[in-house]
PDB file of N, CA and C in Angstrom:
ATOM      1  N   MET A   1      -3.265   4.991  12.194  1.00  0.00           N
ATOM      2  CA  MET A   1      -1.989   4.642  12.010  1.00  0.00           C
ATOM      3  C   MET A   1      -2.079   4.595  10.071  1.00  0.00           C
ATOM      4  N   LYS A   2      -0.681   4.687   9.539  1.00  0.00           N
ATOM      5  CA  LYS A   2      -0.470   5.106   8.146  1.00  0.00           C
ATOM      6  C   LYS A   2      -0.502   3.332   7.782  1.00  0.00           C
ATOM      7  N   GLU A   3      -1.331   3.465   7.127  1.00  0.00           N
ATOM      8  CA  GLU A   3      -1.399   1.923   5.988  1.00  0.00           C
ATOM      9  C   GLU A   3      -0.211   1.250   5.615  1.00  0.00           C
ATOM     10  N   LYS A   4       0.227  -0.184   5.713  1.00  0.00           N
ATOM     11  CA  LYS A   4       2.050  -0.433   4.654  1.00  0.00           C
ATOM     12  C   LYS A   4       0.882  -0.338   3.698  1.00  0.00           C
ATOM     13  N   ILE A   5       2.526  -0.897   2.385  1.00  0.00           N
ATOM     14  CA  ILE A   5       1.880  -1.009   1.595  1.00  0.00           C
ATOM     15  C   ILE A   5       1.635  -2.139   0.811  1.00  0.00           C
ATOM     16  N   GLY A   6       1.835  -3.014   1.416  1.00  0.00           N
ATOM     17  CA  GLY A   6       1.939  -4.423   1.013  1.00  0.00           C
ATOM     18  C   GLY A   6       0.589  -4.893   1.857  1.00  0.00           C
ATOM     19  N   GLU A   7      -0.208  -4.049   3.009  1.00  0.00           N
ATOM     20  CA  GLU A   7      -1.821  -4.538   3.280  1.00  0.00           C
ATOM     21  C   GLU A   7      -2.649  -3.654   2.200  1.00  0.00           C
ATOM     22  N   TYR A   8      -2.097  -2.574   2.022  1.00  0.00           N
ATOM     23  CA  TYR A   8      -2.320  -1.391   0.618  1.00  0.00           C
ATOM     24  C   TYR A   8      -2.620  -2.579  -0.625  1.00  0.00           C
ATOM     25  N   PHE A   9      -1.787  -3.031  -1.048  1.00  0.00           N
ATOM     26  CA  PHE A   9      -1.763  -3.501  -2.410  1.00  0.00           C
ATOM     27  C   PHE A   9      -3.164  -5.377  -2.075  1.00  0.00           C
ATOM     28  N   ILE A  10      -2.462  -5.657  -1.305  1.00  0.00           N
ATOM     29  CA  ILE A  10      -3.630  -7.113  -0.682  1.00  0.00           C
ATOM     30  C   ILE A  10      -4.907  -5.998  -0.483  1.00  0.00           C
ATOM     31  N   ARG A  11      -5.766  -5.458  -0.092  1.00  0.00           N
ATOM     32  CA  ARG A  11      -7.295  -5.050   0.447  1.00  0.00           C
ATOM     33  C   ARG A  11      -7.230  -4.480  -1.419  1.00  0.00           C
ATOM     34  N   LEU A  12      -6.363  -4.659  -2.265  1.00  0.00           N
ATOM     35  CA  LEU A  12      -6.994  -3.989  -3.484  1.00  0.00           C
ATOM     36  C   LEU A  12      -7.299  -5.111  -4.403  1.00  0.00           C
ATOM     37  N   GLU A  13      -6.352  -6.408  -3.447  1.00  0.00           N
ATOM     38  CA  GLU A  13      -6.213  -7.438  -4.404  1.00  0.00           C
ATOM     39  C   GLU A  13      -5.722  -7.285  -5.416  1.00  0.00           C
ATOM     40  N   GLN A  14      -4.537  -6.882  -5.292  1.00  0.00           N
ATOM     41  CA  GLN A  14      -3.723  -6.712  -6.702  1.00  0.00           C
ATOM     42  C   GLN A  14      -2.273  -7.988  -5.597  1.00  0.00           C
ATOM     43  N   LEU A  15      -2.207  -7.985  -4.229  1.00  0.00           N
ATOM     44  CA  LEU A  15      -1.248  -9.497  -4.327  1.00  0.00           C
ATOM     45  C   LEU A  15      -1.716 -10.446  -3.858  1.00  0.00           C
ATOM     46  N   SER A  16      -1.633 -11.442  -3.090  1.00  0.00           N
ATOM     47  CA  SER A  16      -2.210 -12.415  -2.731  1.00  0.00           C
ATOM     48  C   SER A  16      -1.460 -12.615  -1.450  1.00  0.00           C
ATOM     49  N   LEU A  17      -1.509 -13.298  -0.504  1.00  0.00           N
ATOM     50  CA  LEU A  17      -1.231 -13.328   0.927  1.00  0.00           C
ATOM     51  C   LEU A  17      -0.179 -13.677   0.688  1.00  0.00           C
ATOM     52  N   GLU A  18       0.109 -14.716  -0.078  1.00  0.00           N
ATOM     53  CA  GLU A  18       1.136 -15.659  -0.391  1.00  0.00           C
ATOM     54  C   GLU A  18       2.389 -14.297  -0.936  1.00  0.00           C
ATOM     55  N   GLN A  19       1.731 -13.509  -2.314  1.00  0.00           N
ATOM     56  CA  GLN A  19       2.811 -12.934  -2.610  1.00  0.00           C
ATOM     57  C   GLN A  19       3.628 -12.063  -1.749  1.00  0.00           C
ATOM     58  N   ALA A  20       2.464 -11.868  -0.699  1.00  0.00           N
ATOM     59  CA  ALA A  20       3.515 -10.709   0.330  1.00  0.00           C
ATOM     60  C   ALA A  20       4.151 -11.327   0.687  1.00  0.00           C
ATOM     61  N   GLU A  21       4.070 -12.172   1.177  1.00  0.00           N
ATOM     62  CA  GLU A  21       5.159 -13.925   2.201  1.00  0.00           C
ATOM     63  C   GLU A  21       6.304 -13.968   1.765  1.00  0.00           C
ATOM     64  N   GLU A  22       6.196 -13.845   0.246  1.00  0.00           N
ATOM     65  CA  GLU A  22       7.197 -14.035  -0.577  1.00  0.00           C
ATOM     66  C   GLU A  22       8.949 -12.960  -0.249  1.00  0.00           C
ATOM     67  N   ILE A  23       7.384 -11.778  -0.678  1.00  0.00           N
ATOM     68  CA  ILE A  23       8.289 -10.484  -0.993  1.00  0.00           C
ATOM     69  C   ILE A  23       8.911 -10.247   0.904  1.00  0.00           C
ATOM     70  N   LEU A  24       9.079 -10.488   1.466  1.00  0.00           N
ATOM     71  CA  LEU A  24       8.930 -10.437   2.984  1.00  0.00           C
ATOM     72  C   LEU A  24       9.904 -11.543   3.193  1.00  0.00           C
ATOM     73  N   ARG A  25       9.891 -12.524   2.595  1.00  0.00           N
ATOM     74  CA  ARG A  25      11.112 -13.414   2.912  1.00  0.00           C
ATOM     75  C   ARG A  25      12.526 -13.005   1.782  1.00  0.00           C
ATOM     76  N   VAL A  26      12.115 -12.229   0.550  1.00  0.00           N
ATOM     77  CA  VAL A  26      12.993 -11.798  -0.180  1.00  0.00           C
ATOM     78  C   VAL A  26      14.035 -11.040   0.920  1.00  0.00           C
ATOM     79  N   GLN A  27      13.245  -9.877   0.931  1.00  0.00           N
ATOM     80  CA  GLN A  27      13.802  -8.917   2.248  1.00  0.00           C
ATOM     81  C   GLN A  27      13.746  -9.273   2.935  1.00  0.00           C
ATOM     82  N   ASN A  28      13.715  -9.635   3.469  1.00  0.00           N
ATOM     83  CA  ASN A  28      14.680 -10.526   5.153  1.00  0.00           C
ATOM     84  C   ASN A  28      15.080 -11.056   5.065  1.00  0.00           C
ATOM     85  N   THR A  29      15.791 -11.598   3.774  1.00  0.00           N
ATOM     86  CA  THR A  29      16.952 -12.851   3.902  1.00  0.00           C
ATOM     87  C   THR A  29      17.855 -12.356   2.689  1.00  0.00           C
ATOM     88  N   LEU A  30      17.116 -11.738   1.398  1.00  0.00           N
ATOM     89  CA  LEU A  30      18.664 -11.422   0.177  1.00  0.00           C
ATOM     90  C   LEU A  30      18.256  -9.947   0.068  1.00  0.00           C
ATOM     91  N   GLU A  31      17.563  -8.685   0.488  1.00  0.00           N
ATOM     92  CA  GLU A  31      17.567  -7.501   0.030  1.00  0.00           C
ATOM     93  C   GLU A  31      17.168  -7.071   1.026  1.00  0.00           C
ATOM     94  N   PRO A  32      17.681  -6.560   2.631  1.00  0.00           N
ATOM     95  CA  PRO A  32      18.092  -6.114   3.075  1.00  0.00           C
ATOM     96  C   PRO A  32      17.315  -4.792   3.429  1.00  0.00           C
ATOM     97  N   HIS A  33      18.023  -4.310   2.220  1.00  0.00           N
ATOM     98  CA  HIS A  33      18.691  -2.853   1.545  1.00  0.00           C
ATOM     99  C   HIS A  33      16.807  -1.769   1.021  1.00  0.00           C
ATOM    100  N   LYS A  34      16.176  -2.894   0.477  1.00  0.00           N
ATOM    101  CA  LYS A  34      15.283  -2.907  -0.309  1.00  0.00           C
ATOM    102  C   LYS A  34      13.742  -2.377   0.357  1.00  0.00           C
ATOM    103  N   LYS A  35      12.984  -1.637  -0.264  1.00  0.00           N
ATOM    104  CA  LYS A  35      11.605  -1.109   0.456  1.00  0.00           C
ATOM    105  C   LYS A  35      10.587  -2.546  -0.548  1.00  0.00           C
ATOM    106  N   PHE A  36       9.361  -2.922   0.159  1.00  0.00           N
ATOM    107  CA  PHE A  36       8.648  -4.253  -0.021  1.00  0.00           C
ATOM    108  C   PHE A  36       8.483  -3.293  -1.246  1.00  0.00           C
ATOM    109  N   GLY A  37       7.497  -2.727  -1.602  1.00  0.00           N
ATOM    110  CA  GLY A  37       7.271  -1.684  -3.125  1.00  0.00           C
ATOM    111  C   GLY A  37       8.162  -2.468  -4.645  1.00  0.00           C
ATOM    112  N   GLU A  38       9.579  -2.280  -3.795  1.00  0.00           N
ATOM    113  CA  GLU A  38      10.395  -2.065  -5.004  1.00  0.00           C
ATOM    114  C   GLU A  38      11.166  -3.731  -5.228  1.00  0.00           C
ATOM    115  N   ILE A  39      11.121  -4.072  -4.467  1.00  0.00           N
ATOM    116  CA  ILE A  39      10.775  -5.918  -4.641  1.00  0.00           C
ATOM    117  C   ILE A  39       9.684  -6.614  -5.080  1.00  0.00           C
ATOM    118  N   ALA A  40       8.797  -6.310  -4.569  1.00  0.00           N
ATOM    119  CA  ALA A  40       7.185  -5.980  -5.502  1.00  0.00           C
ATOM    120  C   ALA A  40       7.497  -6.013  -6.826  1.00  0.00           C
ATOM    121  N   LEU A  41       7.804  -5.302  -7.605  1.00  0.00           N
ATOM    122  CA  LEU A  41       7.885  -4.670  -8.622  1.00  0.00           C
ATOM    123  C   LEU A  41       9.216  -5.154  -9.632  1.00  0.00           C
ATOM    124  N   ASP A  42      10.416  -5.346  -8.403  1.00  0.00           N
ATOM    125  CA  ASP A  42      11.578  -6.993  -9.495  1.00  0.00           C
ATOM    126  C   ASP A  42      10.971  -7.625  -9.471  1.00  0.00           C
ATOM    127  N   LEU A  43       9.657  -8.815  -8.431  1.00  0.00           N
ATOM    128  CA  LEU A  43       9.836 -10.152  -9.261  1.00  0.00           C
ATOM    129  C   LEU A  43       8.910 -10.109 -10.110  1.00  0.00           C
ATOM    130  N   GLY A  44       7.794  -8.685 -10.133  1.00  0.00           N
ATOM    131  CA  GLY A  44       6.787  -9.345 -11.226  1.00  0.00           C
ATOM    132  C   GLY A  44       5.222  -8.155 -10.621  1.00  0.00           C
ATOM    133  N   PHE A  45       5.821  -8.688  -9.662  1.00  0.00           N
ATOM    134  CA  PHE A  45       3.815  -8.465  -9.167  1.00  0.00           C
ATOM    135  C   PHE A  45       2.907  -7.186  -9.199  1.00  0.00           C
ATOM    136  N   ILE A  46       4.034  -6.134  -9.556  1.00  0.00           N
ATOM    137  CA  ILE A  46       3.159  -4.702  -9.662  1.00  0.00           C
ATOM    138  C   ILE A  46       3.672  -4.195 -10.477  1.00  0.00           C
ATOM    139  N   THR A  47       3.278  -3.491 -11.500  1.00  0.00           N
ATOM    140  CA  THR A  47       3.900  -2.336 -11.941  1.00  0.00           C
ATOM    141  C   THR A  47       4.107  -0.758 -11.585  1.00  0.00           C
ATOM    142  N   LYS A  48       5.479  -0.264 -12.302  1.00  0.00           N
ATOM    143  CA  LYS A  48       5.695   1.038 -11.609  1.00  0.00           C
ATOM    144  C   LYS A  48       4.463   2.633 -11.392  1.00  0.00           C
ATOM    145  N   ASP A  49       3.062   1.952 -12.210  1.00  0.00           N
ATOM    146  CA  ASP A  49       2.324   2.086 -11.966  1.00  0.00           C
ATOM    147  C   ASP A  49       1.516   2.046 -11.089  1.00  0.00           C
ATOM    148  N   ASP A  50       1.070   1.063 -10.733  1.00  0.00           N
ATOM    149  CA  ASP A  50       1.245   0.613  -9.379  1.00  0.00           C
ATOM    150  C   ASP A  50       0.959   1.364  -8.164  1.00  0.00           C
ATOM    151  N   LEU A  51       2.933   0.721  -8.402  1.00  0.00           N
ATOM    152  CA  LEU A  51       3.593   1.346  -7.404  1.00  0.00           C
ATOM    153  C   LEU A  51       3.570   2.862  -7.247  1.00  0.00           C
ATOM    154  N   GLU A  52       3.575   3.957  -8.206  1.00  0.00           N
ATOM    155  CA  GLU A  52       2.912   5.424  -7.709  1.00  0.00           C
ATOM    156  C   GLU A  52       2.129   5.492  -7.474  1.00  0.00           C
ATOM    157  N   LYS A  53       0.822   4.857  -7.812  1.00  0.00           N
ATOM    158  CA  LYS A  53      -0.262   5.042  -7.241  1.00  0.00           C
ATOM    159  C   LYS A  53      -0.098   4.889  -5.777  1.00  0.00           C
ATOM    160  N   ALA A  54      -0.277   3.681  -5.471  1.00  0.00           N
ATOM    161  CA  ALA A  54       0.012   3.536  -3.384  1.00  0.00           C
ATOM    162  C   ALA A  54       0.763   4.152  -3.533  1.00  0.00           C
ATOM    163  N   ILE A  55       2.112   4.928  -3.488  1.00  0.00           N
ATOM    164  CA  ILE A  55       2.673   5.599  -2.612  1.00  0.00           C
ATOM    165  C   ILE A  55       1.641   7.170  -2.307  1.00  0.00           C
ATOM    166  N   GLU A  56       0.871   7.723  -3.359  1.00  0.00           N
ATOM    167  CA  GLU A  56       0.416   9.097  -3.430  1.00  0.00           C
ATOM    168  C   GLU A  56      -1.228   8.623  -2.426  1.00  0.00           C
ATOM    169  N   ASN A  57      -1.347   7.088  -3.077  1.00  0.00           N
ATOM    170  CA  ASN A  57      -3.084   7.355  -1.952  1.00  0.00           C
ATOM    171  C   ASN A  57      -2.961   6.234  -0.005  1.00  0.00           C
ATOM    172  N   ILE A  58      -1.142   6.548   0.054  1.00  0.00           N
ATOM    173  CA  ILE A  58      -0.916   5.526   1.439  1.00  0.00           C
ATOM    174  C   ILE A  58      -0.589   6.686   2.547  1.00  0.00           C
TER     175      ILE A  58
END
Protein backbone atom coordinates (compact mmCIF):
# COMPACT_ATOMS: atom_id res chain seq x y z
CA MET A 1 0.00 0.00 0.00
CA LYS A 2 1.22 3.46 -0.90
CA GLU A 3 2.24 5.72 2.01
CA LYS A 4 0.04 8.76 2.55
CA ILE A 5 1.74 12.12 2.23
CA GLY A 6 0.97 13.09 5.83
CA GLU A 7 2.50 9.87 7.10
CA TYR A 8 5.56 10.54 4.93
CA PHE A 9 6.10 14.01 6.45
CA ILE A 10 5.55 12.72 9.99
CA ARG A 11 7.98 9.83 9.45
CA LEU A 12 10.64 12.28 8.24
CA GLU A 13 9.80 14.59 11.17
CA GLN A 14 8.92 17.42 8.80
CA LEU A 15 5.44 17.61 10.36
CA SER A 16 4.34 16.99 13.91
CA LEU A 17 1.22 14.98 14.64
CA GLU A 18 -0.44 18.19 15.82
CA GLN A 19 0.35 19.93 12.53
CA ALA A 20 -1.04 16.98 10.55
CA GLU A 21 -4.21 17.09 12.64
CA GLU A 22 -4.56 20.83 11.98
CA ILE A 23 -4.17 20.24 8.24
CA LEU A 24 -6.88 17.58 8.35
CA ARG A 25 -9.18 19.92 10.32
CA VAL A 26 -8.74 22.62 7.68
CA GLN A 27 -9.24 20.09 4.89
CA ASN A 28 -12.41 18.68 6.44
CA THR A 29 -14.02 21.99 7.35
CA LEU A 30 -12.71 24.83 5.18
CA GLU A 31 -10.89 23.46 2.15
CA PRO A 32 -12.36 20.07 1.17
CA HIS A 33 -11.29 20.56 -2.46
CA LYS A 34 -7.61 20.98 -1.53
CA LYS A 35 -5.08 18.19 -1.10
CA PHE A 36 -3.26 17.62 2.19
CA GLY A 37 0.09 18.78 0.77
CA GLU A 38 -1.39 21.98 -0.63
CA ILE A 39 -2.82 22.91 2.75
CA ALA A 40 0.46 22.08 4.52
CA LEU A 41 2.20 24.40 2.07
CA ASP A 42 -0.42 27.15 2.54
CA LEU A 43 -0.02 26.97 6.32
CA GLY A 44 3.75 27.26 6.00
CA PHE A 45 4.45 23.86 7.54
CA ILE A 46 6.41 22.65 4.51
CA THR A 47 8.12 24.24 1.50
CA LYS A 48 7.33 23.76 -2.15
CA ASP A 49 10.57 21.78 -2.45
CA ASP A 50 9.46 19.51 0.43
CA LEU A 51 6.15 18.86 -1.33
CA GLU A 52 7.77 18.14 -4.69
CA LYS A 53 10.27 15.74 -3.07
CA ALA A 54 7.44 13.93 -1.26
CA ILE A 55 5.47 13.53 -4.47
CA GLU A 56 8.54 12.05 -6.18
CA ASN A 57 9.24 9.62 -3.32
CA ILE A 58 5.78 8.33 -2.54
